Amino acid sequence: MLNTLAAAALAMSTIIIPTGGAAGDTAPPDHITIDVVTINGSGCKVGTAAIAVSPDNKAFTVTYSDFLAQVGPQALATDSRKNCQLNLRVNVPSGFTYGIASTDYRGFAHLERGATALERANYYFQGMSQTAYKQHGFKGPMNEDWQATDTTAVAAIVYHPCGEKRNFNINTELRVAAGTSDPTKVTSFISMDSTDGSIETTYHFAWKICPPKP
């Protein structure tokens, strides 16, 4: 079975930033930082999630080292669903604000024939309406890396309000169902971690220049 002990790694993708107008303009030159305010959930116990910001300020990654849902002879009933809730403080240079343009989810899945798995997530700014959950399903037989991408249209990107302090919340969930497979004999699982730390979730920023203060 997949070894869930992993090290944090940074393997960034590049997002093409649209030009023209304030929305989506080039990222701020000063490097941003992200503080983890709280971390909760059965899929990300303390010390098992790491945050890293790309050098060009275009994305940040969350790398998990123990985020795995499973069903099988050695699994508990609660193991079929794992979740992680991150509350982050994104420290942005003055004059800029940000939204999330797209998110890349990656992991590994071993699903026996008849078994299914689900990854779903949403994110929102503290005190604002939550975005709708987006989800991706997988069916057995399967024994390979998986990847899923959620993309938000430019006009629909929700930006952090300029001049306010609101933390950024991320909710992620993994589920596995035995389906027609026999969980007393075979194991199925889905994870958001890897043995070499090369698999992570990547959040791509969209940047906007804030209007001058009156």
C-alpha atoms as a PDB file:
ATOM      1  CA  MET A   1       0.000   0.000   0.000  1.00  0.00           C
ATOM      2  CA  LEU A   2       1.107   3.546  -0.571  1.00  0.00           C
ATOM      3  CA  ASN A   3       3.479   4.822   2.092  1.00  0.00           C
ATOM      4  CA  THR A   4       1.847   7.985   3.432  1.00  0.00           C
ATOM      5  CA  LEU A   5       5.011   9.462   4.912  1.00  0.00           C
ATOM      6  CA  ALA A   6       6.012  12.310   2.611  1.00  0.00           C
ATOM      7  CA  ALA A   7       8.201  15.400   2.656  1.00  0.00           C
ATOM      8  CA  ALA A   8       7.046  18.852   1.550  1.00  0.00           C
ATOM      9  CA  ALA A   9       8.089  19.722  -1.982  1.00  0.00           C
ATOM     10  CA  LEU A  10       7.669  22.616  -4.377  1.00  0.00           C
ATOM     11  CA  ALA A  11       6.867  21.724  -7.990  1.00  0.00           C
ATOM     12  CA  MET A  12       5.074  24.684  -9.428  1.00  0.00           C
ATOM     13  CA  SER A  13       2.998  25.088 -12.568  1.00  0.00           C
ATOM     14  CA  THR A  14       2.708  28.371 -14.449  1.00  0.00           C
ATOM     15  CA  ILE A  15      -0.556  30.223 -14.879  1.00  0.00           C
ATOM     16  CA  ILE A  16      -0.911  32.563 -17.853  1.00  0.00           C
ATOM     17  CA  ILE A  17      -1.926  35.936 -16.503  1.00  0.00           C
ATOM     18  CA  PRO A  18      -4.270  37.904 -18.780  1.00  0.00           C
ATOM     19  CA  THR A  19      -3.195  41.436 -19.646  1.00  0.00           C
ATOM     20  CA  GLY A  20      -5.234  44.578 -20.026  1.00  0.00           C
ATOM     21  CA  GLY A  21      -7.232  46.001 -17.127  1.00  0.00           C
ATOM     22  CA  ALA A  22      -6.578  45.565 -13.411  1.00  0.00           C
ATOM     23  CA  ALA A  23      -7.948  42.057 -12.980  1.00  0.00           C
ATOM     24  CA  GLY A  24      -5.303  39.396 -13.477  1.00  0.00           C
ATOM     25  CA  ASP A  25      -2.409  41.844 -13.824  1.00  0.00           C
ATOM     26  CA  THR A  26       1.141  40.728 -13.091  1.00  0.00           C
ATOM     27  CA  ALA A  27       1.794  39.571  -9.523  1.00  0.00           C
ATOM     28  CA  PRO A  28       3.284  42.057  -7.043  1.00  0.00           C
ATOM     29  CA  PRO A  29       7.081  42.251  -7.015  1.00  0.00           C
ATOM     30  CA  ASP A  30       7.391  41.836  -3.236  1.00  0.00           C
ATOM     31  CA  HIS A  31       7.259  38.218  -2.138  1.00  0.00           C
ATOM     32  CA  ILE A  32       4.081  37.225  -0.318  1.00  0.00           C
ATOM     33  CA  THR A  33       3.952  34.972   2.723  1.00  0.00           C
ATOM     34  CA  ILE A  34       1.250  32.673   4.057  1.00  0.00           C
ATOM     35  CA  ASP A  35       0.646  31.896   7.745  1.00  0.00           C
ATOM     36  CA  VAL A  36      -1.332  28.836   8.812  1.00  0.00           C
ATOM     37  CA  VAL A  37      -3.790  30.136  11.426  1.00  0.00           C
ATOM     38  CA  THR A  38      -5.609  26.870  12.102  1.00  0.00           C
ATOM     39  CA  ILE A  39      -5.563  23.371  10.657  1.00  0.00           C
ATOM     40  CA  ASN A  40      -8.280  20.833  11.411  1.00  0.00           C
ATOM     41  CA  GLY A  41      -9.533  17.539  10.047  1.00  0.00           C
ATOM     42  CA  SER A  42      -8.922  13.824  10.005  1.00  0.00           C
ATOM     43  CA  GLY A  43      -6.871  14.161   6.808  1.00  0.00           C
ATOM     44  CA  CYS A  44      -4.400  16.786   8.009  1.00  0.00           C
ATOM     45  CA  LYS A  45      -3.389  16.291  11.587  1.00  0.00           C
ATOM     46  CA  VAL A  46      -0.914  18.786  13.005  1.00  0.00           C
ATOM     47  CA  GLY A  47       2.436  18.518  11.275  1.00  0.00           C
ATOM     48  CA  THR A  48       1.145  16.727   8.168  1.00  0.00           C
ATOM     49  CA  ALA A  49       0.468  19.714   5.864  1.00  0.00           C
ATOM     50  CA  ALA A  50       3.025  22.193   4.500  1.00  0.00           C
ATOM     51  CA  ILE A  51       2.487  25.486   2.631  1.00  0.00           C
ATOM     52  CA  ALA A  52       4.926  26.922   0.071  1.00  0.00           C
ATOM     53  CA  VAL A  53       4.665  30.023  -2.139  1.00  0.00           C
ATOM     54  CA  SER A  54       6.185  30.024  -5.615  1.00  0.00           C
ATOM     55  CA  PRO A  55       9.084  32.462  -6.164  1.00  0.00           C
ATOM     56  CA  ASP A  56       7.079  34.371  -8.797  1.00  0.00           C
ATOM     57  CA  ASN A  57       4.033  34.859  -6.492  1.00  0.00           C
ATOM     58  CA  LYS A  58       1.771  33.172  -9.045  1.00  0.00           C
ATOM     59  CA  ALA A  59       0.770  30.180  -6.941  1.00  0.00           C
ATOM     60  CA  PHE A  60       1.111  28.383  -3.647  1.00  0.00           C
ATOM     61  CA  THR A  61       1.053  24.697  -2.821  1.00  0.00           C
ATOM     62  CA  VAL A  62      -0.316  22.597   0.002  1.00  0.00           C
ATOM     63  CA  THR A  63       1.565  19.328   0.448  1.00  0.00           C
ATOM     64  CA  TYR A  64      -0.053  16.641   2.610  1.00  0.00           C
ATOM     65  CA  SER A  65       1.786  13.712   4.195  1.00  0.00           C
ATOM     66  CA  ASP A  66      -1.115  11.767   5.724  1.00  0.00           C
ATOM     67  CA  PHE A  67      -4.271  12.506   3.719  1.00  0.00           C
ATOM     68  CA  LEU A  68      -5.732   9.118   2.728  1.00  0.00           C
ATOM     69  CA  ALA A  69      -9.227   7.596   2.728  1.00  0.00           C
ATOM     70  CA  GLN A  70      -9.669   3.842   2.479  1.00  0.00           C
ATOM     71  CA  VAL A  71     -11.954   0.847   2.850  1.00  0.00           C
ATOM     72  CA  GLY A  72     -10.731  -2.702   3.424  1.00  0.00           C
ATOM     73  CA  PRO A  73     -10.005  -5.448   5.958  1.00  0.00           C
ATOM     74  CA  GLN A  74      -7.731  -3.241   8.101  1.00  0.00           C
ATOM     75  CA  ALA A  75      -9.729  -0.012   7.720  1.00  0.00           C
ATOM     76  CA  LEU A  76     -12.024   1.518  10.306  1.00  0.00           C
ATOM     77  CA  ALA A  77     -15.499   2.744   9.376  1.00  0.00           C
ATOM     78  CA  THR A  78     -14.303   6.352   9.768  1.00  0.00           C
ATOM     79  CA  ASP A  79     -11.417   5.793   7.333  1.00  0.00           C
ATOM     80  CA  SER A  80     -13.709   5.940   4.297  1.00  0.00           C
ATOM     81  CA  ARG A  81     -13.974   9.742   4.587  1.00  0.00           C
ATOM     82  CA  LYS A  82     -11.132  12.139   5.384  1.00  0.00           C
ATOM     83  CA  ASN A  83     -11.241  15.916   5.370  1.00  0.00           C
ATOM     84  CA  CYS A  84      -8.960  18.889   5.883  1.00  0.00           C
ATOM     85  CA  GLN A  85      -9.837  22.484   6.785  1.00  0.00           C
ATOM     86  CA  LEU A  86      -7.114  25.106   6.470  1.00  0.00           C
ATOM     87  CA  ASN A  87      -7.445  28.687   7.678  1.00  0.00           C
ATOM     88  CA  LEU A  88      -4.700  30.807   6.111  1.00  0.00           C
ATOM     89  CA  ARG A  89      -3.519  34.376   6.463  1.00  0.00           C
ATOM     90  CA  VAL A  90      -2.173  35.516   3.084  1.00  0.00           C
ATOM     91  CA  ASN A  91       0.119  38.490   3.576  1.00  0.00           C
ATOM     92  CA  VAL A  92      -0.146  40.589   0.416  1.00  0.00           C
ATOM     93  CA  PRO A  93       1.887  43.714  -0.442  1.00  0.00           C
ATOM     94  CA  SER A  94       0.037  47.009  -0.114  1.00  0.00           C
ATOM     95  CA  GLY A  95      -1.962  48.029  -3.167  1.00  0.00           C
ATOM     96  CA  PHE A  96      -2.732  44.487  -4.351  1.00  0.00           C
ATOM     97  CA  THR A  97      -5.458  41.956  -3.776  1.00  0.00           C
ATOM     98  CA  TYR A  98      -5.892  38.370  -4.933  1.00  0.00           C
ATOM     99  CA  GLY A  99      -8.345  35.663  -5.905  1.00  0.00           C
ATOM    100  CA  ILE A 100      -7.941  32.031  -6.935  1.00  0.00           C
ATOM    101  CA  ALA A 101      -8.024  31.472 -10.706  1.00  0.00           C
ATOM    102  CA  SER A 102      -7.568  27.697 -10.710  1.00  0.00           C
ATOM    103  CA  THR A 103      -6.556  24.781  -8.526  1.00  0.00           C
ATOM    104  CA  ASP A 104      -4.688  21.588  -9.422  1.00  0.00           C
ATOM    105  CA  TYR A 105      -5.322  18.558  -7.229  1.00  0.00           C
ATOM    106  CA  ARG A 106      -3.032  15.537  -7.395  1.00  0.00           C
ATOM    107  CA  GLY A 107      -2.711  12.223  -5.617  1.00  0.00           C
ATOM    108  CA  PHE A 108      -2.665   8.466  -5.970  1.00  0.00           C
ATOM    109  CA  ALA A 109      -5.539   5.972  -5.998  1.00  0.00           C
ATOM    110  CA  HIS A 110      -5.820   2.207  -5.786  1.00  0.00           C
ATOM    111  CA  LEU A 111      -9.423   1.171  -6.426  1.00  0.00           C
ATOM    112  CA  GLU A 112     -10.540  -2.411  -6.797  1.00  0.00           C
ATOM    113  CA  ARG A 113     -13.090  -3.254  -9.476  1.00  0.00           C
ATOM    114  CA  GLY A 114     -16.482  -1.958  -8.343  1.00  0.00           C
ATOM    115  CA  ALA A 115     -15.063   0.583  -5.872  1.00  0.00           C
ATOM    116  CA  THR A 116     -15.343   4.356  -6.315  1.00  0.00           C
ATOM    117  CA  ALA A 117     -13.651   7.435  -4.873  1.00  0.00           C
ATOM    118  CA  LEU A 118     -14.401  11.143  -4.686  1.00  0.00           C
ATOM    119  CA  GLU A 119     -12.352  14.299  -4.217  1.00  0.00           C
ATOM    120  CA  ARG A 120     -14.179  17.550  -3.545  1.00  0.00           C
ATOM    121  CA  ALA A 121     -13.186  20.986  -2.309  1.00  0.00           C
ATOM    122  CA  ASN A 122     -14.171  24.603  -1.921  1.00  0.00           C
ATOM    123  CA  TYR A 123     -12.548  27.770  -0.633  1.00  0.00           C
ATOM    124  CA  TYR A 124     -13.725  31.176   0.529  1.00  0.00           C
ATOM    125  CA  PHE A 125     -12.727  34.327   2.381  1.00  0.00           C
ATOM    126  CA  GLN A 126     -13.684  34.623   6.036  1.00  0.00           C
ATOM    127  CA  GLY A 127     -17.041  36.334   6.484  1.00  0.00           C
ATOM    128  CA  MET A 128     -17.997  35.940   2.808  1.00  0.00           C
ATOM    129  CA  SER A 129     -20.234  33.397   1.074  1.00  0.00           C
ATOM    130  CA  GLN A 130     -18.641  30.024   0.459  1.00  0.00           C
ATOM    131  CA  THR A 131     -17.972  28.962  -3.099  1.00  0.00           C
ATOM    132  CA  ALA A 132     -19.826  25.899  -4.346  1.00  0.00           C
ATOM    133  CA  TYR A 133     -18.083  22.581  -3.839  1.00  0.00           C
ATOM    134  CA  LYS A 134     -16.471  21.168  -6.961  1.00  0.00           C
ATOM    135  CA  GLN A 135     -15.895  17.435  -7.094  1.00  0.00           C
ATOM    136  CA  HIS A 136     -14.192  14.755  -9.157  1.00  0.00           C
ATOM    137  CA  GLY A 137     -15.064  11.060  -9.150  1.00  0.00           C
ATOM    138  CA  PHE A 138     -12.946   7.977  -9.874  1.00  0.00           C
ATOM    139  CA  LYS A 139     -13.886   4.356 -10.587  1.00  0.00           C
ATOM    140  CA  GLY A 140     -12.047   1.081 -10.164  1.00  0.00           C
ATOM    141  CA  PRO A 141     -10.152  -0.768 -11.302  1.00  0.00           C
ATOM    142  CA  MET A 142      -7.467   1.900 -10.873  1.00  0.00           C
ATOM    143  CA  ASN A 143      -3.906   1.911  -9.585  1.00  0.00           C
ATOM    144  CA  GLU A 144      -2.198   5.151 -10.614  1.00  0.00           C
ATOM    145  CA  ASP A 145      -1.600   8.840  -9.975  1.00  0.00           C
ATOM    146  CA  TRP A 146      -4.634  11.044 -10.483  1.00  0.00           C
ATOM    147  CA  GLN A 147      -4.998  14.747 -11.273  1.00  0.00           C
ATOM    148  CA  ALA A 148      -7.993  17.095 -11.370  1.00  0.00           C
ATOM    149  CA  THR A 149      -8.231  20.828 -12.092  1.00  0.00           C
ATOM    150  CA  ASP A 150     -10.867  23.368 -11.102  1.00  0.00           C
ATOM    151  CA  THR A 151     -10.858  26.579 -13.141  1.00  0.00           C
ATOM    152  CA  THR A 152     -12.801  29.779 -12.468  1.00  0.00           C
ATOM    153  CA  ALA A 153     -13.780  32.106 -15.300  1.00  0.00           C
ATOM    154  CA  VAL A 154     -12.076  35.505 -15.050  1.00  0.00           C
ATOM    155  CA  ALA A 155     -15.385  37.320 -14.537  1.00  0.00           C
ATOM    156  CA  ALA A 156     -16.342  34.938 -11.714  1.00  0.00           C
ATOM    157  CA  ILE A 157     -13.148  35.129  -9.646  1.00  0.00           C
ATOM    158  CA  VAL A 158     -13.855  36.268  -6.087  1.00  0.00           C
ATOM    159  CA  TYR A 159     -11.199  38.678  -4.814  1.00  0.00           C
ATOM    160  CA  HIS A 160     -10.181  39.459  -1.270  1.00  0.00           C
ATOM    161  CA  PRO A 161     -11.751  42.862  -0.427  1.00  0.00           C
ATOM    162  CA  CYS A 162      -9.151  45.630  -0.666  1.00  0.00           C
ATOM    163  CA  GLY A 163      -8.171  47.165   2.656  1.00  0.00           C
ATOM    164  CA  GLU A 164      -9.750  44.393   4.750  1.00  0.00           C
ATOM    165  CA  LYS A 165      -8.258  41.534   6.743  1.00  0.00           C
ATOM    166  CA  ARG A 166     -10.008  38.287   5.935  1.00  0.00           C
ATOM    167  CA  ASN A 167      -8.414  34.869   6.228  1.00  0.00           C
ATOM    168  CA  PHE A 168      -8.618  32.393   3.372  1.00  0.00           C
ATOM    169  CA  ASN A 169     -10.358  29.080   4.123  1.00  0.00           C
ATOM    170  CA  ILE A 170      -9.814  25.840   2.215  1.00  0.00           C
ATOM    171  CA  ASN A 171     -12.002  22.743   2.709  1.00  0.00           C
ATOM    172  CA  THR A 172     -10.944  19.495   1.054  1.00  0.00           C
ATOM    173  CA  GLU A 173     -12.457  16.012   1.304  1.00  0.00           C
ATOM    174  CA  LEU A 174     -11.621  12.492   0.119  1.00  0.00           C
ATOM    175  CA  ARG A 175     -14.106   9.600   0.117  1.00  0.00           C
ATOM    176  CA  VAL A 176     -13.968   5.943  -0.865  1.00  0.00           C
ATOM    177  CA  ALA A 177     -16.885   3.519  -1.289  1.00  0.00           C
ATOM    178  CA  ALA A 178     -16.457  -0.236  -1.634  1.00  0.00           C
ATOM    179  CA  GLY A 179     -19.327  -0.476  -4.100  1.00  0.00           C
ATOM    180  CA  THR A 180     -19.535  -4.004  -5.455  1.00  0.00           C
ATOM    181  CA  SER A 181     -16.024  -4.903  -4.259  1.00  0.00           C
ATOM    182  CA  ASP A 182     -15.619  -6.949  -1.063  1.00  0.00           C
ATOM    183  CA  PRO A 183     -14.069  -4.752   1.679  1.00  0.00           C
ATOM    184  CA  THR A 184     -13.532  -7.799   3.877  1.00  0.00           C
ATOM    185  CA  LYS A 185     -11.018  -9.116   1.358  1.00  0.00           C
ATOM    186  CA  VAL A 186      -9.599  -6.204  -0.665  1.00  0.00           C
ATOM    187  CA  THR A 187      -8.497  -2.643   0.085  1.00  0.00           C
ATOM    188  CA  SER A 188      -9.268   0.471  -1.952  1.00  0.00           C
ATOM    189  CA  PHE A 189      -7.911   3.924  -1.181  1.00  0.00           C
ATOM    190  CA  ILE A 190      -7.381   7.425  -2.515  1.00  0.00           C
ATOM    191  CA  SER A 191      -4.739   9.817  -1.249  1.00  0.00           C
ATOM    192  CA  MET A 192      -3.453  13.358  -1.634  1.00  0.00           C
ATOM    193  CA  ASP A 193       0.080  12.416  -0.706  1.00  0.00           C
ATOM    194  CA  SER A 194       2.962  10.463  -2.193  1.00  0.00           C
ATOM    195  CA  THR A 195       6.046   8.525  -1.194  1.00  0.00           C
ATOM    196  CA  ASP A 196       8.434  11.121  -2.628  1.00  0.00           C
ATOM    197  CA  GLY A 197       6.609  14.343  -1.755  1.00  0.00           C
ATOM    198  CA  SER A 198       6.201  15.322  -5.413  1.00  0.00           C
ATOM    199  CA  ILE A 199       2.401  15.398  -5.341  1.00  0.00           C
ATOM    200  CA  GLU A 200       0.636  18.447  -3.985  1.00  0.00           C
ATOM    201  CA  THR A 201      -2.347  20.746  -4.427  1.00  0.00           C
ATOM    202  CA  THR A 202      -1.522  23.952  -6.309  1.00  0.00           C
ATOM    203  CA  TYR A 203      -3.601  27.137  -6.005  1.00  0.00           C
ATOM    204  CA  HIS A 204      -3.006  29.648  -8.826  1.00  0.00           C
ATOM    205  CA  PHE A 205      -3.432  33.303  -7.918  1.00  0.00           C
ATOM    206  CA  ALA A 206      -5.203  35.978  -9.930  1.00  0.00           C
ATOM    207  CA  TRP A 207      -3.983  39.433  -8.930  1.00  0.00           C
ATOM    208  CA  LYS A 208      -5.720  42.811  -9.040  1.00  0.00           C
ATOM    209  CA  ILE A 209      -4.525  46.311  -8.238  1.00  0.00           C
ATOM    210  CA  CYS A 210      -6.585  48.007  -5.536  1.00  0.00           C
ATOM    211  CA  PRO A 211      -7.978  51.473  -6.254  1.00  0.00           C
ATOM    212  CA  PRO A 212      -6.200  54.371  -4.497  1.00  0.00           C
ATOM    213  CA  LYS A 213      -7.518  55.276  -1.071  1.00  0.00           C
ATOM    214  CA  PRO A 214      -9.596  58.484  -1.079  1.00  0.00           C
END
